[in-house]
């Protein structure tokens, strides 16, 4: 089926939605569902109209090439359309790519110190600060669910919930091993060390996505522990939930309330179960793609932050930017993520052709 043949049903559906919404017979959830679909199709239809309009204009101009008085103007306009039409065609193809419903989701962000001891924990704190700054710039809300601090003020582990528009669509490219090269504050000899932290970004699951039977859960309660084994409180407020069929376990002790800890643990458990299914689908979809920049493989070294040279290199697309301070503040993180999005779309388009 040609591109033009694919466009007709899209425009027809857009017109049908407009008619249904204007009829005044729908309300509540049904109307909202149609309005959401209409809003998603509107930019696609605008691009389709521009594309078909450009093709019609091109056809009309070609008929003027035989007119001695009009041919020079026609040639100039045809040259403009020669650039415009392929650009509009690419825009439409991107809009027609299969949509991943997880892209619109909120996300659970997990950062864990890897190799490098105290320096790795400090680097994990730097990454957390980067995502916190990035979330603030995009108008997202970031809430810490659980954190385990190191003695020097870093994080052995920190888990956050990030809420906002298209959170997972942007952050999913951050999953993997992040490496840092710098002189640690604990290094007296001034030698450069290499440390690492692992980032995992999970699409937040909704209750309708993941059905968890109570019989599949084992819930253990215990006293919350602080640093050095000190009791944070004297009641069994900490919770560990184990999903028996998969063996997945989530522990939570951040809150003083056992109920709140259980709610947070269940939110993370649902996200992890949803991620297992999402990863399976993405792997199947991406089986023939080479880079899989959005695959979210946590074992893959995706990025290096080199402080002596002031550079950040993303190894998936061989992108190097000499603005490490701006990136780690979150201000320029889009300059890394945007090319990853573009590359991912290019791979998907190539797979469709």
C-alpha atoms as a PDB file:
ATOM      1  CA  UNK A   1       0.000   0.000   0.000  1.00  0.00           C
ATOM      2  CA  UNK A   2       1.377   3.414  -0.998  1.00  0.00           C
ATOM      3  CA  UNK A   3       1.645   6.310   1.417  1.00  0.00           C
ATOM      4  CA  UNK A   4      -1.242   8.127  -0.287  1.00  0.00           C
ATOM      5  CA  UNK A   5      -3.482   5.056   0.111  1.00  0.00           C
ATOM      6  CA  UNK A   6      -2.713   4.957   3.845  1.00  0.00           C
ATOM      7  CA  UNK A   7      -3.712   8.603   4.334  1.00  0.00           C
ATOM      8  CA  UNK A   8      -7.373   8.364   3.286  1.00  0.00           C
ATOM      9  CA  UNK A   9      -8.597   6.291   6.272  1.00  0.00           C
ATOM     10  CA  UNK A  10      -6.761   8.598   8.681  1.00  0.00           C
ATOM     11  CA  UNK A  11      -8.499  11.704   7.370  1.00  0.00           C
ATOM     12  CA  UNK A  12     -11.817   9.856   7.288  1.00  0.00           C
ATOM     13  CA  UNK A  13     -11.416   8.814  10.941  1.00  0.00           C
ATOM     14  CA  UNK A  14     -10.505  12.390  11.926  1.00  0.00           C
ATOM     15  CA  UNK A  15     -13.679  13.688  10.254  1.00  0.00           C
ATOM     16  CA  UNK A  16     -15.751  10.929  11.886  1.00  0.00           C
ATOM     17  CA  UNK A  17     -14.420  11.874  15.328  1.00  0.00           C
ATOM     18  CA  UNK A  18     -15.216  15.545  14.739  1.00  0.00           C
ATOM     19  CA  UNK A  19     -18.787  14.603  13.772  1.00  0.00           C
ATOM     20  CA  UNK A  20     -19.277  12.335  16.798  1.00  0.00           C
ATOM     21  CA  UNK A  21     -17.954  14.983  19.190  1.00  0.00           C
ATOM     22  CA  UNK A  22     -20.127  17.740  17.750  1.00  0.00           C
ATOM     23  CA  UNK A  23     -23.285  15.610  17.896  1.00  0.00           C
ATOM     24  CA  UNK A  24     -23.609  16.285  21.608  1.00  0.00           C
ATOM     25  CA  UNK A  25     -24.675  12.728  22.438  1.00  0.00           C
ATOM     26  CA  UNK A  26     -21.512  11.739  24.303  1.00  0.00           C
ATOM     27  CA  UNK A  27     -20.289  12.765  27.708  1.00  0.00           C
ATOM     28  CA  UNK A  28     -17.820  11.822  30.383  1.00  0.00           C
ATOM     29  CA  UNK A  29     -15.316   9.072  29.682  1.00  0.00           C
ATOM     30  CA  UNK A  30     -16.613   8.296  26.174  1.00  0.00           C
ATOM     31  CA  UNK A  31     -16.221  11.907  25.049  1.00  0.00           C
ATOM     32  CA  UNK A  32     -12.766  12.188  26.636  1.00  0.00           C
ATOM     33  CA  UNK A  33     -11.607   9.066  24.818  1.00  0.00           C
ATOM     34  CA  UNK A  34     -12.723  10.428  21.443  1.00  0.00           C
ATOM     35  CA  UNK A  35     -11.273  13.864  22.180  1.00  0.00           C
ATOM     36  CA  UNK A  36      -7.897  12.302  23.004  1.00  0.00           C
ATOM     37  CA  UNK A  37      -7.868  10.341  19.751  1.00  0.00           C
ATOM     38  CA  UNK A  38      -8.920  13.457  17.821  1.00  0.00           C
ATOM     39  CA  UNK A  39      -6.110  15.490  19.385  1.00  0.00           C
ATOM     40  CA  UNK A  40      -3.563  12.792  18.517  1.00  0.00           C
ATOM     41  CA  UNK A  41      -4.733  12.640  14.886  1.00  0.00           C
ATOM     42  CA  UNK A  42      -4.980  16.416  14.341  1.00  0.00           C
ATOM     43  CA  UNK A  43      -1.265  17.135  13.754  1.00  0.00           C
ATOM     44  CA  UNK A  44      -1.069  14.088  11.483  1.00  0.00           C
ATOM     45  CA  UNK A  45      -4.025  15.320   9.432  1.00  0.00           C
ATOM     46  CA  UNK A  46      -2.508  18.798   9.201  1.00  0.00           C
ATOM     47  CA  UNK A  47       0.680  17.264   7.790  1.00  0.00           C
ATOM     48  CA  UNK A  48      -1.380  15.115   5.401  1.00  0.00           C
ATOM     49  CA  UNK A  49      -3.276  18.171   4.138  1.00  0.00           C
ATOM     50  CA  UNK A  50      -0.032  20.056   3.624  1.00  0.00           C
ATOM     51  CA  UNK A  51       1.466  17.063   1.801  1.00  0.00           C
ATOM     52  CA  UNK A  52      -1.460  16.446  -0.537  1.00  0.00           C
ATOM     53  CA  UNK A  53      -1.736  20.188  -1.148  1.00  0.00           C
ATOM     54  CA  UNK A  54       1.932  20.316  -2.142  1.00  0.00           C
ATOM     55  CA  UNK A  55       1.466  17.370  -4.529  1.00  0.00           C
ATOM     56  CA  UNK A  56      -1.504  19.100  -6.184  1.00  0.00           C
ATOM     57  CA  UNK A  57       0.471  22.336  -6.474  1.00  0.00           C
ATOM     58  CA  UNK A  58       3.395  20.418  -8.003  1.00  0.00           C
ATOM     59  CA  UNK A  59       1.111  18.858 -10.607  1.00  0.00           C
ATOM     60  CA  UNK A  60      -0.343  22.252 -11.510  1.00  0.00           C
ATOM     61  CA  UNK A  61       3.079  23.882 -11.831  1.00  0.00           C
ATOM     62  CA  UNK A  62       4.364  21.134 -14.115  1.00  0.00           C
ATOM     63  CA  UNK A  63       1.598  21.975 -16.578  1.00  0.00           C
ATOM     64  CA  UNK A  64       2.892  25.564 -16.675  1.00  0.00           C
ATOM     65  CA  UNK A  65       6.379  24.576 -17.839  1.00  0.00           C
ATOM     66  CA  UNK A  66       5.177  24.695 -21.451  1.00  0.00           C
ATOM     67  CA  UNK A  67       3.950  28.284 -21.022  1.00  0.00           C
ATOM     68  CA  UNK A  68       6.757  30.696 -22.101  1.00  0.00           C
ATOM     69  CA  UNK A  69       5.457  33.442 -19.775  1.00  0.00           C
ATOM     70  CA  UNK A  70       5.079  31.232 -16.697  1.00  0.00           C
ATOM     71  CA  UNK A  71       7.836  28.624 -16.953  1.00  0.00           C
ATOM     72  CA  UNK A  72      10.506  30.558 -15.002  1.00  0.00           C
ATOM     73  CA  UNK A  73       8.157  31.153 -12.070  1.00  0.00           C
ATOM     74  CA  UNK A  74       6.974  27.538 -12.269  1.00  0.00           C
ATOM     75  CA  UNK A  75      10.563  26.216 -12.136  1.00  0.00           C
ATOM     76  CA  UNK A  76      11.330  28.308  -9.045  1.00  0.00           C
ATOM     77  CA  UNK A  77       8.246  27.045  -7.235  1.00  0.00           C
ATOM     78  CA  UNK A  78       8.942  23.458  -8.279  1.00  0.00           C
ATOM     79  CA  UNK A  79      12.433  23.683  -6.759  1.00  0.00           C
ATOM     80  CA  UNK A  80      10.847  24.801  -3.486  1.00  0.00           C
ATOM     81  CA  UNK A  81       8.419  21.869  -3.592  1.00  0.00           C
ATOM     82  CA  UNK A  82      11.255  19.432  -4.350  1.00  0.00           C
ATOM     83  CA  UNK A  83      12.564  20.152  -0.845  1.00  0.00           C
ATOM     84  CA  UNK A  84       9.187  20.534   0.884  1.00  0.00           C
ATOM     85  CA  UNK A  85       7.473  17.337  -0.293  1.00  0.00           C
ATOM     86  CA  UNK A  86      10.118  14.852   1.010  1.00  0.00           C
ATOM     87  CA  UNK A  87      10.198  16.716   4.332  1.00  0.00           C
ATOM     88  CA  UNK A  88       6.399  16.468   4.667  1.00  0.00           C
ATOM     89  CA  UNK A  89       6.514  12.816   3.648  1.00  0.00           C
ATOM     90  CA  UNK A  90       9.068  12.069   6.392  1.00  0.00           C
ATOM     91  CA  UNK A  91       6.952  13.943   8.932  1.00  0.00           C
ATOM     92  CA  UNK A  92       3.913  11.842   8.040  1.00  0.00           C
ATOM     93  CA  UNK A  93       5.885   8.594   8.188  1.00  0.00           C
ATOM     94  CA  UNK A  94       7.136   9.472  11.668  1.00  0.00           C
ATOM     95  CA  UNK A  95       3.563  10.195  12.735  1.00  0.00           C
ATOM     96  CA  UNK A  96       2.475   6.800  11.364  1.00  0.00           C
ATOM     97  CA  UNK A  97       5.069   4.865  13.369  1.00  0.00           C
ATOM     98  CA  UNK A  98       3.513   2.396  15.835  1.00  0.00           C
ATOM     99  CA  UNK A  99       2.836   4.226  19.070  1.00  0.00           C
ATOM    100  CA  UNK A 100       4.205   2.826  22.301  1.00  0.00           C
ATOM    101  CA  UNK A 101       1.514   3.490  24.876  1.00  0.00           C
ATOM    102  CA  UNK A 102       4.190   3.517  27.572  1.00  0.00           C
ATOM    103  CA  UNK A 103       5.622   6.757  26.144  1.00  0.00           C
ATOM    104  CA  UNK A 104       2.876   8.835  27.729  1.00  0.00           C
ATOM    105  CA  UNK A 105       3.382   7.229  31.126  1.00  0.00           C
ATOM    106  CA  UNK A 106       4.962   8.566  34.265  1.00  0.00           C
ATOM    107  CA  UNK A 107       8.126   6.743  35.263  1.00  0.00           C
ATOM    108  CA  UNK A 108       9.915   5.113  38.150  1.00  0.00           C
ATOM    109  CA  UNK A 109      13.561   6.244  38.075  1.00  0.00           C
ATOM    110  CA  UNK A 110      16.139   4.071  39.849  1.00  0.00           C
ATOM    111  CA  UNK A 111      19.787   5.090  40.268  1.00  0.00           C
ATOM    112  CA  UNK A 112      22.275   2.690  41.859  1.00  0.00           C
ATOM    113  CA  UNK A 113      25.973   3.117  42.570  1.00  0.00           C
ATOM    114  CA  UNK A 114      28.092   0.582  40.717  1.00  0.00           C
ATOM    115  CA  UNK A 115      31.830  -0.037  40.701  1.00  0.00           C
ATOM    116  CA  UNK A 116      33.847   2.623  42.462  1.00  0.00           C
ATOM    117  CA  UNK A 117      32.779   2.602  46.115  1.00  0.00           C
ATOM    118  CA  UNK A 118      32.203   6.040  47.659  1.00  0.00           C
ATOM    119  CA  UNK A 119      32.997   7.767  44.370  1.00  0.00           C
ATOM    120  CA  UNK A 120      30.307   5.749  42.580  1.00  0.00           C
ATOM    121  CA  UNK A 121      27.792   6.785  45.241  1.00  0.00           C
ATOM    122  CA  UNK A 122      28.761  10.444  44.777  1.00  0.00           C
ATOM    123  CA  UNK A 123      28.323  10.042  41.028  1.00  0.00           C
ATOM    124  CA  UNK A 124      24.875   8.507  41.616  1.00  0.00           C
ATOM    125  CA  UNK A 125      24.026  11.701  43.534  1.00  0.00           C
ATOM    126  CA  UNK A 126      25.254  13.770  40.568  1.00  0.00           C
ATOM    127  CA  UNK A 127      22.967  11.827  38.233  1.00  0.00           C
ATOM    128  CA  UNK A 128      20.034  12.328  40.596  1.00  0.00           C
ATOM    129  CA  UNK A 129      20.730  16.083  40.616  1.00  0.00           C
ATOM    130  CA  UNK A 130      20.826  16.021  36.799  1.00  0.00           C
ATOM    131  CA  UNK A 131      17.404  14.365  36.527  1.00  0.00           C
ATOM    132  CA  UNK A 132      15.950  16.571  39.250  1.00  0.00           C
ATOM    133  CA  UNK A 133      17.099  19.678  37.342  1.00  0.00           C
ATOM    134  CA  UNK A 134      15.844  18.240  34.063  1.00  0.00           C
ATOM    135  CA  UNK A 135      12.446  17.442  35.581  1.00  0.00           C
ATOM    136  CA  UNK A 136      12.158  20.991  36.914  1.00  0.00           C
ATOM    137  CA  UNK A 137      12.959  22.462  33.483  1.00  0.00           C
ATOM    138  CA  UNK A 138      10.266  20.344  31.825  1.00  0.00           C
ATOM    139  CA  UNK A 139       7.658  21.058  34.491  1.00  0.00           C
ATOM    140  CA  UNK A 140       7.631  17.503  35.820  1.00  0.00           C
ATOM    141  CA  UNK A 141       7.177  16.547  39.469  1.00  0.00           C
ATOM    142  CA  UNK A 142       9.861  14.327  40.987  1.00  0.00           C
ATOM    143  CA  UNK A 143       9.256  12.565  44.305  1.00  0.00           C
ATOM    144  CA  UNK A 144      11.835  10.435  46.118  1.00  0.00           C
ATOM    145  CA  UNK A 145      10.337   7.076  47.098  1.00  0.00           C
ATOM    146  CA  UNK A 146      13.381   5.473  48.698  1.00  0.00           C
ATOM    147  CA  UNK A 147      16.988   6.507  49.245  1.00  0.00           C
ATOM    148  CA  UNK A 148      20.063   4.900  50.796  1.00  0.00           C
ATOM    149  CA  UNK A 149      22.784   7.479  51.443  1.00  0.00           C
ATOM    150  CA  UNK A 150      26.518   6.845  51.669  1.00  0.00           C
ATOM    151  CA  UNK A 151      28.773   8.212  54.383  1.00  0.00           C
ATOM    152  CA  UNK A 152      30.065  10.990  52.097  1.00  0.00           C
ATOM    153  CA  UNK A 153      26.641  12.246  51.043  1.00  0.00           C
ATOM    154  CA  UNK A 154      26.192  10.194  47.894  1.00  0.00           C
ATOM    155  CA  UNK A 155      23.568   7.541  47.172  1.00  0.00           C
ATOM    156  CA  UNK A 156      24.054   3.820  47.154  1.00  0.00           C
ATOM    157  CA  UNK A 157      20.545   3.711  45.725  1.00  0.00           C
ATOM    158  CA  UNK A 158      17.773   6.206  45.121  1.00  0.00           C
ATOM    159  CA  UNK A 159      14.332   5.501  43.659  1.00  0.00           C
ATOM    160  CA  UNK A 160      12.036   8.293  42.434  1.00  0.00           C
ATOM    161  CA  UNK A 161       8.652   8.728  40.838  1.00  0.00           C
ATOM    162  CA  UNK A 162       8.539  11.250  37.988  1.00  0.00           C
ATOM    163  CA  UNK A 163       5.141  12.598  36.913  1.00  0.00           C
ATOM    164  CA  UNK A 164       4.409  14.791  33.912  1.00  0.00           C
ATOM    165  CA  UNK A 165       3.816  14.922  30.179  1.00  0.00           C
ATOM    166  CA  UNK A 166       5.668  12.283  28.108  1.00  0.00           C
ATOM    167  CA  UNK A 167       8.017  11.441  30.981  1.00  0.00           C
ATOM    168  CA  UNK A 168       8.826   7.902  29.866  1.00  0.00           C
ATOM    169  CA  UNK A 169       9.127   8.946  26.211  1.00  0.00           C
ATOM    170  CA  UNK A 170      12.135  11.084  27.189  1.00  0.00           C
ATOM    171  CA  UNK A 171      13.679   9.263  30.134  1.00  0.00           C
ATOM    172  CA  UNK A 172      13.603   5.757  28.643  1.00  0.00           C
ATOM    173  CA  UNK A 173      16.830   6.571  26.784  1.00  0.00           C
ATOM    174  CA  UNK A 174      18.626   6.974  30.120  1.00  0.00           C
ATOM    175  CA  UNK A 175      18.487   3.300  31.119  1.00  0.00           C
ATOM    176  CA  UNK A 176      21.909   1.698  31.236  1.00  0.00           C
ATOM    177  CA  UNK A 177      25.367   2.097  32.748  1.00  0.00           C
ATOM    178  CA  UNK A 178      26.656   5.662  33.152  1.00  0.00           C
ATOM    179  CA  UNK A 179      30.426   5.985  33.606  1.00  0.00           C
ATOM    180  CA  UNK A 180      32.355   8.875  35.154  1.00  0.00           C
ATOM    181  CA  UNK A 181      36.050   9.698  34.824  1.00  0.00           C
ATOM    182  CA  UNK A 182      37.439  12.227  37.319  1.00  0.00           C
ATOM    183  CA  UNK A 183      39.688  12.729  40.346  1.00  0.00           C
ATOM    184  CA  UNK A 184      37.666  11.629  43.402  1.00  0.00           C
ATOM    185  CA  UNK A 185      37.623  13.844  46.484  1.00  0.00           C
ATOM    186  CA  UNK A 186      39.117  10.888  48.378  1.00  0.00           C
ATOM    187  CA  UNK A 187      42.111  10.687  45.999  1.00  0.00           C
ATOM    188  CA  UNK A 188      45.167  12.344  47.528  1.00  0.00           C
ATOM    189  CA  UNK A 189      47.446  11.640  44.570  1.00  0.00           C
ATOM    190  CA  UNK A 190      45.360  13.433  41.973  1.00  0.00           C
ATOM    191  CA  UNK A 191      44.826  10.335  39.855  1.00  0.00           C
ATOM    192  CA  UNK A 192      41.783   9.994  37.607  1.00  0.00           C
ATOM    193  CA  UNK A 193      39.463   7.146  38.562  1.00  0.00           C
ATOM    194  CA  UNK A 194      36.648   5.517  36.607  1.00  0.00           C
ATOM    195  CA  UNK A 195      33.406   4.753  38.429  1.00  0.00           C
ATOM    196  CA  UNK A 196      29.929   3.821  37.322  1.00  0.00           C
ATOM    197  CA  UNK A 197      26.264   3.995  38.260  1.00  0.00           C
ATOM    198  CA  UNK A 198      23.299   2.160  36.791  1.00  0.00           C
ATOM    199  CA  UNK A 199      20.092   3.944  35.789  1.00  0.00           C
ATOM    200  CA  UNK A 200      16.815   2.126  35.260  1.00  0.00           C
ATOM    201  CA  UNK A 201      13.683   3.867  33.982  1.00  0.00           C
ATOM    202  CA  UNK A 202      10.452   1.900  34.334  1.00  0.00           C
ATOM    203  CA  UNK A 203       7.124   2.953  32.804  1.00  0.00           C
ATOM    204  CA  UNK A 204       4.667   3.351  35.643  1.00  0.00           C
ATOM    205  CA  UNK A 205       1.948   0.722  35.445  1.00  0.00           C
ATOM    206  CA  UNK A 206      -1.741   1.376  35.902  1.00  0.00           C
ATOM    207  CA  UNK A 207      -3.991  -1.000  37.782  1.00  0.00           C
ATOM    208  CA  UNK A 208      -5.639  -2.066  34.526  1.00  0.00           C
ATOM    209  CA  UNK A 209      -2.263  -3.049  33.027  1.00  0.00           C
ATOM    210  CA  UNK A 210      -1.092  -5.467  35.665  1.00  0.00           C
ATOM    211  CA  UNK A 211      -3.440  -7.762  37.548  1.00  0.00           C
ATOM    212  CA  UNK A 212      -1.732  -9.005  40.709  1.00  0.00           C
ATOM    213  CA  UNK A 213      -3.422 -11.704  42.752  1.00  0.00           C
ATOM    214  CA  UNK A 214      -3.053 -11.354  46.506  1.00  0.00           C
ATOM    215  CA  UNK A 215      -2.238 -15.043  46.654  1.00  0.00           C
ATOM    216  CA  UNK A 216       0.864 -14.422  44.540  1.00  0.00           C
ATOM    217  CA  UNK A 217       2.320 -12.025  47.108  1.00  0.00           C
ATOM    218  CA  UNK A 218       4.325 -12.613  50.255  1.00  0.00           C
ATOM    219  CA  UNK A 219       4.395  -9.549  52.513  1.00  0.00           C
ATOM    220  CA  UNK A 220       7.044  -9.339  55.231  1.00  0.00           C
ATOM    221  CA  UNK A 221       7.224  -6.536  57.779  1.00  0.00           C
ATOM    222  CA  UNK A 222      10.229  -5.555  59.867  1.00  0.00           C
ATOM    223  CA  UNK A 223      11.702  -2.646  61.747  1.00  0.00           C
ATOM    224  CA  UNK A 224      13.175   0.085  59.566  1.00  0.00           C
ATOM    225  CA  UNK A 225      16.938   0.355  59.796  1.00  0.00           C
ATOM    226  CA  UNK A 226      19.077   3.478  59.640  1.00  0.00           C
ATOM    227  CA  UNK A 227      22.799   3.861  59.090  1.00  0.00           C
ATOM    228  CA  UNK A 228      24.964   1.802  61.422  1.00  0.00           C
ATOM    229  CA  UNK A 229      22.061  -0.489  62.250  1.00  0.00           C
ATOM    230  CA  UNK A 230      20.214   2.094  64.320  1.00  0.00           C
ATOM    231  CA  UNK A 231      16.454   1.648  64.489  1.00  0.00           C
ATOM    232  CA  UNK A 232      14.567   4.452  62.776  1.00  0.00           C
ATOM    233  CA  UNK A 233      11.480   3.496  64.781  1.00  0.00           C
ATOM    234  CA  UNK A 234      10.381   0.774  67.133  1.00  0.00           C
ATOM    235  CA  UNK A 235       7.442  -0.514  65.094  1.00  0.00           C
ATOM    236  CA  UNK A 236       7.517  -2.861  62.117  1.00  0.00           C
ATOM    237  CA  UNK A 237       6.820  -0.160  59.541  1.00  0.00           C
ATOM    238  CA  UNK A 238       9.190  -1.418  56.843  1.00  0.00           C
ATOM    239  CA  UNK A 239       7.678  -3.684  54.175  1.00  0.00           C
ATOM    240  CA  UNK A 240       9.095  -6.223  51.749  1.00  0.00           C
ATOM    241  CA  UNK A 241       6.735  -7.551  49.083  1.00  0.00           C
ATOM    242  CA  UNK A 242       7.729 -10.595  47.041  1.00  0.00           C
ATOM    243  CA  UNK A 243       5.896 -11.576  43.847  1.00  0.00           C
ATOM    244  CA  UNK A 244       6.129 -15.360  44.089  1.00  0.00           C
ATOM    245  CA  UNK A 245       5.612 -16.288  40.386  1.00  0.00           C
ATOM    246  CA  UNK A 246       8.534 -14.117  39.245  1.00  0.00           C
ATOM    247  CA  UNK A 247      10.613 -13.841  42.402  1.00  0.00           C
ATOM    248  CA  UNK A 248      10.614 -10.044  42.158  1.00  0.00           C
ATOM    249  CA  UNK A 249      10.952  -8.396  45.576  1.00  0.00           C
ATOM    250  CA  UNK A 250      10.576  -4.753  46.608  1.00  0.00           C
ATOM    251  CA  UNK A 251      11.448  -3.385  50.048  1.00  0.00           C
ATOM    252  CA  UNK A 252      10.350   0.019  51.330  1.00  0.00           C
ATOM    253  CA  UNK A 253      11.090   1.738  54.640  1.00  0.00           C
ATOM    254  CA  UNK A 254      11.125   5.441  53.762  1.00  0.00           C
ATOM    255  CA  UNK A 255       7.826   6.213  55.486  1.00  0.00           C
ATOM    256  CA  UNK A 256       6.993   5.787  59.176  1.00  0.00           C
ATOM    257  CA  UNK A 257       3.634   4.301  58.181  1.00  0.00           C
ATOM    258  CA  UNK A 258       3.518   0.631  57.184  1.00  0.00           C
ATOM    259  CA  UNK A 259       0.498   1.396  54.971  1.00  0.00           C
ATOM    260  CA  UNK A 260       2.374   4.091  53.036  1.00  0.00           C
ATOM    261  CA  UNK A 261       5.420   1.864  52.640  1.00  0.00           C
ATOM    262  CA  UNK A 262       3.208  -0.925  51.294  1.00  0.00           C
ATOM    263  CA  UNK A 263       1.558   1.448  48.779  1.00  0.00           C
ATOM    264  CA  UNK A 264       4.938   2.665  47.524  1.00  0.00           C
ATOM    265  CA  UNK A 265       6.314  -0.875  47.325  1.00  0.00           C
ATOM    266  CA  UNK A 266       3.281  -2.016  45.320  1.00  0.00           C
ATOM    267  CA  UNK A 267       3.697   0.907  42.922  1.00  0.00           C
ATOM    268  CA  UNK A 268       7.303  -0.099  42.241  1.00  0.00           C
ATOM    269  CA  UNK A 269       6.402  -3.792  41.985  1.00  0.00           C
ATOM    270  CA  UNK A 270       3.662  -3.051  39.425  1.00  0.00           C
ATOM    271  CA  UNK A 271       6.148  -0.956  37.441  1.00  0.00           C
ATOM    272  CA  UNK A 272       8.725  -3.760  37.465  1.00  0.00           C
ATOM    273  CA  UNK A 273       6.173  -6.343  36.310  1.00  0.00           C
ATOM    274  CA  UNK A 274       4.938  -3.992  33.614  1.00  0.00           C
ATOM    275  CA  UNK A 275       8.541  -3.378  32.520  1.00  0.00           C
ATOM    276  CA  UNK A 276       9.113  -7.111  32.083  1.00  0.00           C
ATOM    277  CA  UNK A 277       6.222  -7.302  29.626  1.00  0.00           C
ATOM    278  CA  UNK A 278       7.139  -3.985  27.966  1.00  0.00           C
ATOM    279  CA  UNK A 279      10.750  -5.122  27.477  1.00  0.00           C
ATOM    280  CA  UNK A 280       9.574  -8.388  25.927  1.00  0.00           C
ATOM    281  CA  UNK A 281       7.466  -6.492  23.407  1.00  0.00           C
ATOM    282  CA  UNK A 282      10.218  -3.979  22.614  1.00  0.00           C
ATOM    283  CA  UNK A 283      12.730  -6.777  22.106  1.00  0.00           C
ATOM    284  CA  UNK A 284      10.400  -8.510  19.678  1.00  0.00           C
ATOM    285  CA  UNK A 285       9.712  -5.266  17.826  1.00  0.00           C
ATOM    286  CA  UNK A 286      13.399  -4.302  17.688  1.00  0.00           C
ATOM    287  CA  UNK A 287      14.802  -7.722  16.772  1.00  0.00           C
ATOM    288  CA  UNK A 288      15.954  -6.519  13.353  1.00  0.00           C
ATOM    289  CA  UNK A 289      17.188  -3.088  14.428  1.00  0.00           C
ATOM    290  CA  UNK A 290      20.902  -2.549  14.984  1.00  0.00           C
ATOM    291  CA  UNK A 291      21.381   0.066  17.690  1.00  0.00           C
ATOM    292  CA  UNK A 292      18.163  -0.234  19.672  1.00  0.00           C
ATOM    293  CA  UNK A 293      18.961   3.111  21.335  1.00  0.00           C
ATOM    294  CA  UNK A 294      15.738   2.970  23.286  1.00  0.00           C
ATOM    295  CA  UNK A 295      15.980  -0.650  24.366  1.00  0.00           C
ATOM    296  CA  UNK A 296      16.708   0.213  27.992  1.00  0.00           C
ATOM    297  CA  UNK A 297      19.357  -2.487  28.468  1.00  0.00           C
ATOM    298  CA  UNK A 298      20.716  -1.757  31.953  1.00  0.00           C
ATOM    299  CA  UNK A 299      23.896  -3.784  31.376  1.00  0.00           C
ATOM    300  CA  UNK A 300      24.928  -1.623  28.422  1.00  0.00           C
ATOM    301  CA  UNK A 301      27.449   1.186  28.943  1.00  0.00           C
ATOM    302  CA  UNK A 302      25.604   4.053  27.347  1.00  0.00           C
ATOM    303  CA  UNK A 303      27.400   7.241  28.401  1.00  0.00           C
ATOM    304  CA  UNK A 304      30.697   8.560  29.759  1.00  0.00           C
ATOM    305  CA  UNK A 305      31.136  11.807  31.718  1.00  0.00           C
ATOM    306  CA  UNK A 306      34.804  12.871  31.505  1.00  0.00           C
ATOM    307  CA  UNK A 307      35.503  15.751  33.898  1.00  0.00           C
ATOM    308  CA  UNK A 308      39.155  16.511  32.941  1.00  0.00           C
ATOM    309  CA  UNK A 309      38.081  17.038  29.321  1.00  0.00           C
ATOM    310  CA  UNK A 310      34.694  18.543  30.185  1.00  0.00           C
ATOM    311  CA  UNK A 311      32.947  16.170  27.797  1.00  0.00           C
ATOM    312  CA  UNK A 312      29.962  13.850  27.759  1.00  0.00           C
ATOM    313  CA  UNK A 313      29.905  11.028  25.206  1.00  0.00           C
ATOM    314  CA  UNK A 314      26.883   8.902  24.395  1.00  0.00           C
ATOM    315  CA  UNK A 315      28.312   5.683  22.961  1.00  0.00           C
ATOM    316  CA  UNK A 316      25.114   4.521  21.235  1.00  0.00           C
ATOM    317  CA  UNK A 317      25.230   7.284  18.635  1.00  0.00           C
ATOM    318  CA  UNK A 318      28.858   8.453  19.039  1.00  0.00           C
ATOM    319  CA  UNK A 319      27.709  11.858  20.240  1.00  0.00           C
ATOM    320  CA  UNK A 320      30.211  14.007  22.167  1.00  0.00           C
ATOM    321  CA  UNK A 321      29.383  17.354  23.757  1.00  0.00           C
ATOM    322  CA  UNK A 322      31.890  19.523  25.625  1.00  0.00           C
ATOM    323  CA  UNK A 323      29.425  20.930  28.140  1.00  0.00           C
ATOM    324  CA  UNK A 324      29.493  18.533  31.077  1.00  0.00           C
ATOM    325  CA  UNK A 325      28.409  21.146  33.637  1.00  0.00           C
ATOM    326  CA  UNK A 326      25.304  22.150  31.668  1.00  0.00           C
ATOM    327  CA  UNK A 327      24.328  18.526  31.069  1.00  0.00           C
ATOM    328  CA  UNK A 328      24.776  17.476  34.703  1.00  0.00           C
ATOM    329  CA  UNK A 329      22.657  20.428  35.807  1.00  0.00           C
ATOM    330  CA  UNK A 330      19.867  19.128  33.565  1.00  0.00           C
ATOM    331  CA  UNK A 331      19.893  22.331  31.506  1.00  0.00           C
ATOM    332  CA  UNK A 332      21.377  20.740  28.371  1.00  0.00           C
ATOM    333  CA  UNK A 333      20.282  17.109  28.780  1.00  0.00           C
ATOM    334  CA  UNK A 334      17.849  17.563  25.872  1.00  0.00           C
ATOM    335  CA  UNK A 335      20.893  18.045  23.623  1.00  0.00           C
ATOM    336  CA  UNK A 336      21.730  14.403  24.338  1.00  0.00           C
ATOM    337  CA  UNK A 337      18.197  12.995  24.379  1.00  0.00           C
ATOM    338  CA  UNK A 338      16.944  14.725  21.197  1.00  0.00           C
ATOM    339  CA  UNK A 339      19.523  12.993  18.910  1.00  0.00           C
ATOM    340  CA  UNK A 340      18.685   9.675  20.566  1.00  0.00           C
ATOM    341  CA  UNK A 341      14.991  10.197  19.790  1.00  0.00           C
ATOM    342  CA  UNK A 342      15.854  11.102  16.183  1.00  0.00           C
ATOM    343  CA  UNK A 343      18.070   8.038  15.770  1.00  0.00           C
ATOM    344  CA  UNK A 344      15.425   5.764  17.257  1.00  0.00           C
ATOM    345  CA  UNK A 345      12.813   7.138  14.850  1.00  0.00           C
ATOM    346  CA  UNK A 346      15.197   6.746  11.902  1.00  0.00           C
ATOM    347  CA  UNK A 347      15.760   3.096  12.763  1.00  0.00           C
ATOM    348  CA  UNK A 348      12.036   2.488  13.055  1.00  0.00           C
ATOM    349  CA  UNK A 349      11.402   4.178   9.701  1.00  0.00           C
ATOM    350  CA  UNK A 350      14.127   2.095   8.073  1.00  0.00           C
ATOM    351  CA  UNK A 351      12.539  -1.061   9.468  1.00  0.00           C
ATOM    352  CA  UNK A 352       9.193  -0.088   7.896  1.00  0.00           C
ATOM    353  CA  UNK A 353      10.629   0.605   4.456  1.00  0.00           C
END
